Amino acid sequence: MAKYSKSAGKDVKRALERRKAGKLKSGKGGKGGTVKSRAQAIAIGLSEARAKGKKVPKRKTAKRKTAAKRKR
């Protein structure tokens, strides 16, 4: 079973093409600077695919260090 749908891959490809053309912006509403990093462009493409409801795995979140907080 595939983790990503074909249409999600197309969204990522589109984001990479926008980055190459210098049209891909970062930040909420595209108000940040232009994206230079390939990895950031992929992340934006996946995020857009998630927003459209396409088949993309959930975003991995950082694990909290609750045990370290309890010791204090």
PDB file of N, CA and C in Angstrom:
ATOM      1  N   MET A   1       0.843  -1.189   0.000  1.00  0.00           N
ATOM      2  CA  MET A   1       0.000   0.000   0.000  1.00  0.00           C
ATOM      3  C   MET A   1       0.884   1.247   0.000  1.00  0.00           C
ATOM      4  N   ALA A   2       0.569   2.171  -0.852  1.00  0.00           N
ATOM      5  CA  ALA A   2       1.373   3.388  -0.970  1.00  0.00           C
ATOM      6  C   ALA A   2       1.104   4.330   0.198  1.00  0.00           C
ATOM      7  N   LYS A   3       2.167   5.007   0.646  1.00  0.00           N
ATOM      8  CA  LYS A   3       2.023   5.989   1.731  1.00  0.00           C
ATOM      9  C   LYS A   3       1.451   7.297   1.204  1.00  0.00           C
ATOM     10  N   TYR A   4       1.846   7.648  -0.023  1.00  0.00           N
ATOM     11  CA  TYR A   4       1.427   8.919  -0.617  1.00  0.00           C
ATOM     12  C   TYR A   4       0.597   8.660  -1.868  1.00  0.00           C
ATOM     13  N   SER A   5      -0.413   9.487  -2.091  1.00  0.00           N
ATOM     14  CA  SER A   5      -1.198   9.365  -3.318  1.00  0.00           C
ATOM     15  C   SER A   5      -0.420   9.990  -4.473  1.00  0.00           C
ATOM     16  N   LYS A   6      -0.779   9.615  -5.701  1.00  0.00           N
ATOM     17  CA  LYS A   6      -0.101  10.170  -6.869  1.00  0.00           C
ATOM     18  C   LYS A   6      -0.320  11.674  -6.954  1.00  0.00           C
ATOM     19  N   SER A   7      -1.520  12.108  -6.606  1.00  0.00           N
ATOM     20  CA  SER A   7      -1.819  13.539  -6.689  1.00  0.00           C
ATOM     21  C   SER A   7      -1.034  14.337  -5.650  1.00  0.00           C
ATOM     22  N   ALA A   8      -0.687  13.708  -4.506  1.00  0.00           N
ATOM     23  CA  ALA A   8       0.146  14.380  -3.505  1.00  0.00           C
ATOM     24  C   ALA A   8       1.548  14.581  -4.071  1.00  0.00           C
ATOM     25  N   GLY A   9       2.041  13.597  -4.804  1.00  0.00           N
ATOM     26  CA  GLY A   9       3.341  13.699  -5.466  1.00  0.00           C
ATOM     27  C   GLY A   9       3.358  14.822  -6.487  1.00  0.00           C
ATOM     28  N   LYS A  10       2.231  15.006  -7.163  1.00  0.00           N
ATOM     29  CA  LYS A  10       2.126  16.089  -8.147  1.00  0.00           C
ATOM     30  C   LYS A  10       2.170  17.452  -7.465  1.00  0.00           C
ATOM     31  N   ASP A  11       1.562  17.538  -6.276  1.00  0.00           N
ATOM     32  CA  ASP A  11       1.595  18.794  -5.518  1.00  0.00           C
ATOM     33  C   ASP A  11       3.022  19.141  -5.107  1.00  0.00           C
ATOM     34  N   VAL A  12       3.779  18.123  -4.700  1.00  0.00           N
ATOM     35  CA  VAL A  12       5.174  18.338  -4.305  1.00  0.00           C
ATOM     36  C   VAL A  12       5.990  18.771  -5.523  1.00  0.00           C
ATOM     37  N   LYS A  13       5.749  18.109  -6.645  1.00  0.00           N
ATOM     38  CA  LYS A  13       6.459  18.447  -7.881  1.00  0.00           C
ATOM     39  C   LYS A  13       6.173  19.896  -8.283  1.00  0.00           C
ATOM     40  N   ARG A  14       4.935  20.297  -8.147  1.00  0.00           N
ATOM     41  CA  ARG A  14       4.528  21.663  -8.487  1.00  0.00           C
ATOM     42  C   ARG A  14       5.244  22.677  -7.574  1.00  0.00           C
ATOM     43  N   ALA A  15       5.349  22.334  -6.282  1.00  0.00           N
ATOM     44  CA  ALA A  15       6.041  23.217  -5.337  1.00  0.00           C
ATOM     45  C   ALA A  15       7.523  23.338  -5.684  1.00  0.00           C
ATOM     46  N   LEU A  16       8.138  22.234  -6.101  1.00  0.00           N
ATOM     47  CA  LEU A  16       9.549  22.260  -6.487  1.00  0.00           C
ATOM     48  C   LEU A  16       9.759  23.120  -7.731  1.00  0.00           C
ATOM     49  N   GLU A  17       8.814  23.052  -8.665  1.00  0.00           N
ATOM     50  CA  GLU A  17       8.905  23.869  -9.876  1.00  0.00           C
ATOM     51  C   GLU A  17       8.751  25.353  -9.549  1.00  0.00           C
ATOM     52  N   ARG A  18       7.862  25.658  -8.590  1.00  0.00           N
ATOM     53  CA  ARG A  18       7.687  27.058  -8.165  1.00  0.00           C
ATOM     54  C   ARG A  18       8.951  27.581  -7.484  1.00  0.00           C
ATOM     55  N   ARG A  19       9.613  26.696  -6.703  1.00  0.00           N
ATOM     56  CA  ARG A  19      10.866  27.096  -6.049  1.00  0.00           C
ATOM     57  C   ARG A  19      11.925  27.414  -7.089  1.00  0.00           C
ATOM     58  N   LYS A  20      12.017  26.558  -8.098  1.00  0.00           N
ATOM     59  CA  LYS A  20      13.023  26.745  -9.142  1.00  0.00           C
ATOM     60  C   LYS A  20      12.791  28.049  -9.906  1.00  0.00           C
ATOM     61  N   ALA A  21      11.522  28.409 -10.079  1.00  0.00           N
ATOM     62  CA  ALA A  21      11.177  29.646 -10.775  1.00  0.00           C
ATOM     63  C   ALA A  21      11.286  30.871  -9.863  1.00  0.00           C
ATOM     64  N   GLY A  22      11.506  30.633  -8.555  1.00  0.00           N
ATOM     65  CA  GLY A  22      11.630  31.730  -7.604  1.00  0.00           C
ATOM     66  C   GLY A  22      10.295  32.292  -7.159  1.00  0.00           C
ATOM     67  N   LYS A  23       9.215  31.507  -7.319  1.00  0.00           N
ATOM     68  CA  LYS A  23       7.866  31.972  -6.985  1.00  0.00           C
ATOM     69  C   LYS A  23       7.353  31.409  -5.659  1.00  0.00           C
ATOM     70  N   LEU A  24       8.077  30.440  -5.091  1.00  0.00           N
ATOM     71  CA  LEU A  24       7.619  29.794  -3.856  1.00  0.00           C
ATOM     72  C   LEU A  24       8.006  30.631  -2.647  1.00  0.00           C
ATOM     73  N   LYS A  25       7.013  30.999  -1.848  1.00  0.00           N
ATOM     74  CA  LYS A  25       7.235  31.832  -0.665  1.00  0.00           C
ATOM     75  C   LYS A  25       6.980  31.010   0.586  1.00  0.00           C
ATOM     76  N   SER A  26       7.671  31.351   1.676  1.00  0.00           N
ATOM     77  CA  SER A  26       7.473  30.659   2.943  1.00  0.00           C
ATOM     78  C   SER A  26       6.616  31.516   3.851  1.00  0.00           C
ATOM     79  N   GLY A  27       6.140  30.918   4.921  1.00  0.00           N
ATOM     80  CA  GLY A  27       5.376  31.667   5.915  1.00  0.00           C
ATOM     81  C   GLY A  27       3.889  31.664   5.627  1.00  0.00           C
ATOM     82  N   LYS A  28       3.135  32.129   6.600  1.00  0.00           N
ATOM     83  CA  LYS A  28       1.673  32.139   6.512  1.00  0.00           C
ATOM     84  C   LYS A  28       1.216  33.110   5.419  1.00  0.00           C
ATOM     85  N   GLY A  29       0.472  32.608   4.484  1.00  0.00           N
ATOM     86  CA  GLY A  29      -0.026  33.432   3.391  1.00  0.00           C
ATOM     87  C   GLY A  29       1.057  33.821   2.398  1.00  0.00           C
ATOM     88  N   GLY A  30       2.210  33.152   2.450  1.00  0.00           N
ATOM     89  CA  GLY A  30       3.297  33.448   1.520  1.00  0.00           C
ATOM     90  C   GLY A  30       3.935  34.809   1.745  1.00  0.00           C
ATOM     91  N   LYS A  31       3.869  35.299   2.995  1.00  0.00           N
ATOM     92  CA  LYS A  31       4.402  36.628   3.288  1.00  0.00           C
ATOM     93  C   LYS A  31       5.882  36.602   3.655  1.00  0.00           C
ATOM     94  N   GLY A  32       6.456  35.406   3.764  1.00  0.00           N
ATOM     95  CA  GLY A  32       7.878  35.308   4.079  1.00  0.00           C
ATOM     96  C   GLY A  32       8.715  35.478   2.831  1.00  0.00           C
ATOM     97  N   GLY A  33       9.995  35.157   2.947  1.00  0.00           N
ATOM     98  CA  GLY A  33      10.899  35.289   1.812  1.00  0.00           C
ATOM     99  C   GLY A  33      10.761  34.129   0.846  1.00  0.00           C
ATOM    100  N   THR A  34      11.494  34.185  -0.238  1.00  0.00           N
ATOM    101  CA  THR A  34      11.459  33.097  -1.212  1.00  0.00           C
ATOM    102  C   THR A  34      12.202  31.893  -0.645  1.00  0.00           C
ATOM    103  N   VAL A  35      11.716  30.718  -0.985  1.00  0.00           N
ATOM    104  CA  VAL A  35      12.289  29.469  -0.493  1.00  0.00           C
ATOM    105  C   VAL A  35      13.498  29.113  -1.339  1.00  0.00           C
ATOM    106  N   LYS A  36      14.628  28.834  -0.699  1.00  0.00           N
ATOM    107  CA  LYS A  36      15.859  28.441  -1.397  1.00  0.00           C
ATOM    108  C   LYS A  36      16.102  26.934  -1.263  1.00  0.00           C
ATOM    109  N   SER A  37      15.668  26.362  -0.135  1.00  0.00           N
ATOM    110  CA  SER A  37      15.960  24.974   0.197  1.00  0.00           C
ATOM    111  C   SER A  37      15.004  24.006  -0.488  1.00  0.00           C
ATOM    112  N   ARG A  38      15.576  22.943  -1.058  1.00  0.00           N
ATOM    113  CA  ARG A  38      14.777  21.891  -1.701  1.00  0.00           C
ATOM    114  C   ARG A  38      13.910  21.179  -0.656  1.00  0.00           C
ATOM    115  N   ALA A  39      14.486  20.913   0.519  1.00  0.00           N
ATOM    116  CA  ALA A  39      13.754  20.213   1.578  1.00  0.00           C
ATOM    117  C   ALA A  39      12.563  21.032   2.051  1.00  0.00           C
ATOM    118  N   GLN A  40      12.731  22.342   2.145  1.00  0.00           N
ATOM    119  CA  GLN A  40      11.634  23.208   2.567  1.00  0.00           C
ATOM    120  C   GLN A  40      10.541  23.235   1.501  1.00  0.00           C
ATOM    121  N   ALA A  41      10.926  23.198   0.230  1.00  0.00           N
ATOM    122  CA  ALA A  41       9.947  23.177  -0.861  1.00  0.00           C
ATOM    123  C   ALA A  41       9.116  21.898  -0.814  1.00  0.00           C
ATOM    124  N   ILE A  42       9.764  20.775  -0.516  1.00  0.00           N
ATOM    125  CA  ILE A  42       9.057  19.493  -0.400  1.00  0.00           C
ATOM    126  C   ILE A  42       8.081  19.546   0.765  1.00  0.00           C
ATOM    127  N   ALA A  43       8.524  20.107   1.887  1.00  0.00           N
ATOM    128  CA  ALA A  43       7.662  20.221   3.070  1.00  0.00           C
ATOM    129  C   ALA A  43       6.444  21.080   2.777  1.00  0.00           C
ATOM    130  N   ILE A  44       6.627  22.161   2.026  1.00  0.00           N
ATOM    131  CA  ILE A  44       5.506  23.029   1.666  1.00  0.00           C
ATOM    132  C   ILE A  44       4.541  22.294   0.748  1.00  0.00           C
ATOM    133  N   GLY A  45       5.070  21.533  -0.208  1.00  0.00           N
ATOM    134  CA  GLY A  45       4.228  20.749  -1.121  1.00  0.00           C
ATOM    135  C   GLY A  45       3.397  19.718  -0.379  1.00  0.00           C
ATOM    136  N   LEU A  46       4.010  19.041   0.592  1.00  0.00           N
ATOM    137  CA  LEU A  46       3.289  18.044   1.389  1.00  0.00           C
ATOM    138  C   LEU A  46       2.227  18.707   2.256  1.00  0.00           C
ATOM    139  N   SER A  47       2.559  19.867   2.792  1.00  0.00           N
ATOM    140  CA  SER A  47       1.614  20.606   3.621  1.00  0.00           C
ATOM    141  C   SER A  47       0.394  21.034   2.804  1.00  0.00           C
ATOM    142  N   GLU A  48       0.624  21.479   1.577  1.00  0.00           N
ATOM    143  CA  GLU A  48      -0.470  21.871   0.694  1.00  0.00           C
ATOM    144  C   GLU A  48      -1.339  20.662   0.346  1.00  0.00           C
ATOM    145  N   ALA A  49      -0.698  19.502   0.132  1.00  0.00           N
ATOM    146  CA  ALA A  49      -1.436  18.278  -0.173  1.00  0.00           C
ATOM    147  C   ALA A  49      -2.307  17.867   1.017  1.00  0.00           C
ATOM    148  N   ARG A  50      -1.771  17.998   2.238  1.00  0.00           N
ATOM    149  CA  ARG A  50      -2.547  17.689   3.450  1.00  0.00           C
ATOM    150  C   ARG A  50      -3.760  18.600   3.555  1.00  0.00           C
ATOM    151  N   ALA A  51      -3.562  19.876   3.254  1.00  0.00           N
ATOM    152  CA  ALA A  51      -4.647  20.853   3.351  1.00  0.00           C
ATOM    153  C   ALA A  51      -5.774  20.523   2.367  1.00  0.00           C
ATOM    154  N   LYS A  52      -5.403  19.920   1.236  1.00  0.00           N
ATOM    155  CA  LYS A  52      -6.405  19.532   0.236  1.00  0.00           C
ATOM    156  C   LYS A  52      -7.065  18.196   0.582  1.00  0.00           C
ATOM    157  N   GLY A  53      -6.557  17.522   1.628  1.00  0.00           N
ATOM    158  CA  GLY A  53      -7.145  16.252   2.059  1.00  0.00           C
ATOM    159  C   GLY A  53      -6.633  15.043   1.304  1.00  0.00           C
ATOM    160  N   LYS A  54      -5.462  15.162   0.707  1.00  0.00           N
ATOM    161  CA  LYS A  54      -4.894  14.043  -0.050  1.00  0.00           C
ATOM    162  C   LYS A  54      -4.191  13.070   0.888  1.00  0.00           C
ATOM    163  N   LYS A  55      -3.880  11.888   0.366  1.00  0.00           N
ATOM    164  CA  LYS A  55      -3.294  10.840   1.193  1.00  0.00           C
ATOM    165  C   LYS A  55      -1.809  11.101   1.429  1.00  0.00           C
ATOM    166  N   VAL A  56      -1.516  11.637   2.606  1.00  0.00           N
ATOM    167  CA  VAL A  56      -0.148  11.948   3.022  1.00  0.00           C
ATOM    168  C   VAL A  56      -0.047  11.571   4.496  1.00  0.00           C
ATOM    169  N   PRO A  57       1.058  10.909   4.919  1.00  0.00           N
ATOM    170  CA  PRO A  57       1.196  10.578   6.339  1.00  0.00           C
ATOM    171  C   PRO A  57       1.183  11.827   7.207  1.00  0.00           C
ATOM    172  N   LYS A  58       0.782  11.662   8.462  1.00  0.00           N
ATOM    173  CA  LYS A  58       0.748  12.790   9.390  1.00  0.00           C
ATOM    174  C   LYS A  58       2.149  13.319   9.622  1.00  0.00           C
ATOM    175  N   ARG A  59       2.236  14.594   9.934  1.00  0.00           N
ATOM    176  CA  ARG A  59       3.511  15.239  10.200  1.00  0.00           C
ATOM    177  C   ARG A  59       4.098  14.691  11.489  1.00  0.00           C
ATOM    178  N   LYS A  60       5.399  14.405  11.481  1.00  0.00           N
ATOM    179  CA  LYS A  60       6.062  13.915  12.690  1.00  0.00           C
ATOM    180  C   LYS A  60       6.329  15.092  13.610  1.00  0.00           C
ATOM    181  N   THR A  61       5.952  14.950  14.870  1.00  0.00           N
ATOM    182  CA  THR A  61       6.171  16.024  15.842  1.00  0.00           C
ATOM    183  C   THR A  61       7.333  15.664  16.756  1.00  0.00           C
ATOM    184  N   ALA A  62       7.962  16.661  17.293  1.00  0.00           N
ATOM    185  CA  ALA A  62       9.084  16.453  18.213  1.00  0.00           C
ATOM    186  C   ALA A  62       8.563  15.878  19.522  1.00  0.00           C
ATOM    187  N   LYS A  63       9.285  14.914  20.076  1.00  0.00           N
ATOM    188  CA  LYS A  63       8.879  14.310  21.344  1.00  0.00           C
ATOM    189  C   LYS A  63       9.246  15.237  22.487  1.00  0.00           C
ATOM    190  N   ARG A  64       8.325  15.418  23.399  1.00  0.00           N
ATOM    191  CA  ARG A  64       8.579  16.289  24.551  1.00  0.00           C
ATOM    192  C   ARG A  64       9.345  15.535  25.622  1.00  0.00           C
ATOM    193  N   LYS A  65      10.157  16.242  26.321  1.00  0.00           N
ATOM    194  CA  LYS A  65      10.949  15.632  27.394  1.00  0.00           C
ATOM    195  C   LYS A  65      10.241  15.863  28.714  1.00  0.00           C
ATOM    196  N   THR A  66       9.129  15.150  28.929  1.00  0.00           N
ATOM    197  CA  THR A  66       8.342  15.342  30.148  1.00  0.00           C
ATOM    198  C   THR A  66       9.048  14.740  31.357  1.00  0.00           C
ATOM    199  N   ALA A  67       9.801  13.672  31.144  1.00  0.00           N
ATOM    200  CA  ALA A  67      10.502  13.033  32.264  1.00  0.00           C
ATOM    201  C   ALA A  67      11.529  13.990  32.879  1.00  0.00           C
ATOM    202  N   ALA A  68      12.197  14.741  32.024  1.00  0.00           N
ATOM    203  CA  ALA A  68      13.199  15.699  32.518  1.00  0.00           C
ATOM    204  C   ALA A  68      12.537  16.831  33.302  1.00  0.00           C
ATOM    205  N   LYS A  69      11.342  17.209  32.901  1.00  0.00           N
ATOM    206  CA  LYS A  69      10.623  18.280  33.601  1.00  0.00           C
ATOM    207  C   LYS A  69      10.151  17.816  34.980  1.00  0.00           C
ATOM    208  N   ARG A  70       9.794  16.552  35.095  1.00  0.00           N
ATOM    209  CA  ARG A  70       9.279  16.011  36.367  1.00  0.00           C
ATOM    210  C   ARG A  70      10.372  15.968  37.436  1.00  0.00           C
ATOM    211  N   LYS A  71      11.609  15.778  37.032  1.00  0.00           N
ATOM    212  CA  LYS A  71      12.720  15.656  37.969  1.00  0.00           C
ATOM    213  C   LYS A  71      13.017  16.978  38.685  1.00  0.00           C
ATOM    214  N   ARG A  72      12.638  18.080  38.083  1.00  0.00           N
ATOM    215  CA  ARG A  72      12.948  19.393  38.670  1.00  0.00           C
ATOM    216  C   ARG A  72      12.122  19.716  39.874  1.00  0.00           C
TER     217      ARG A  72
END
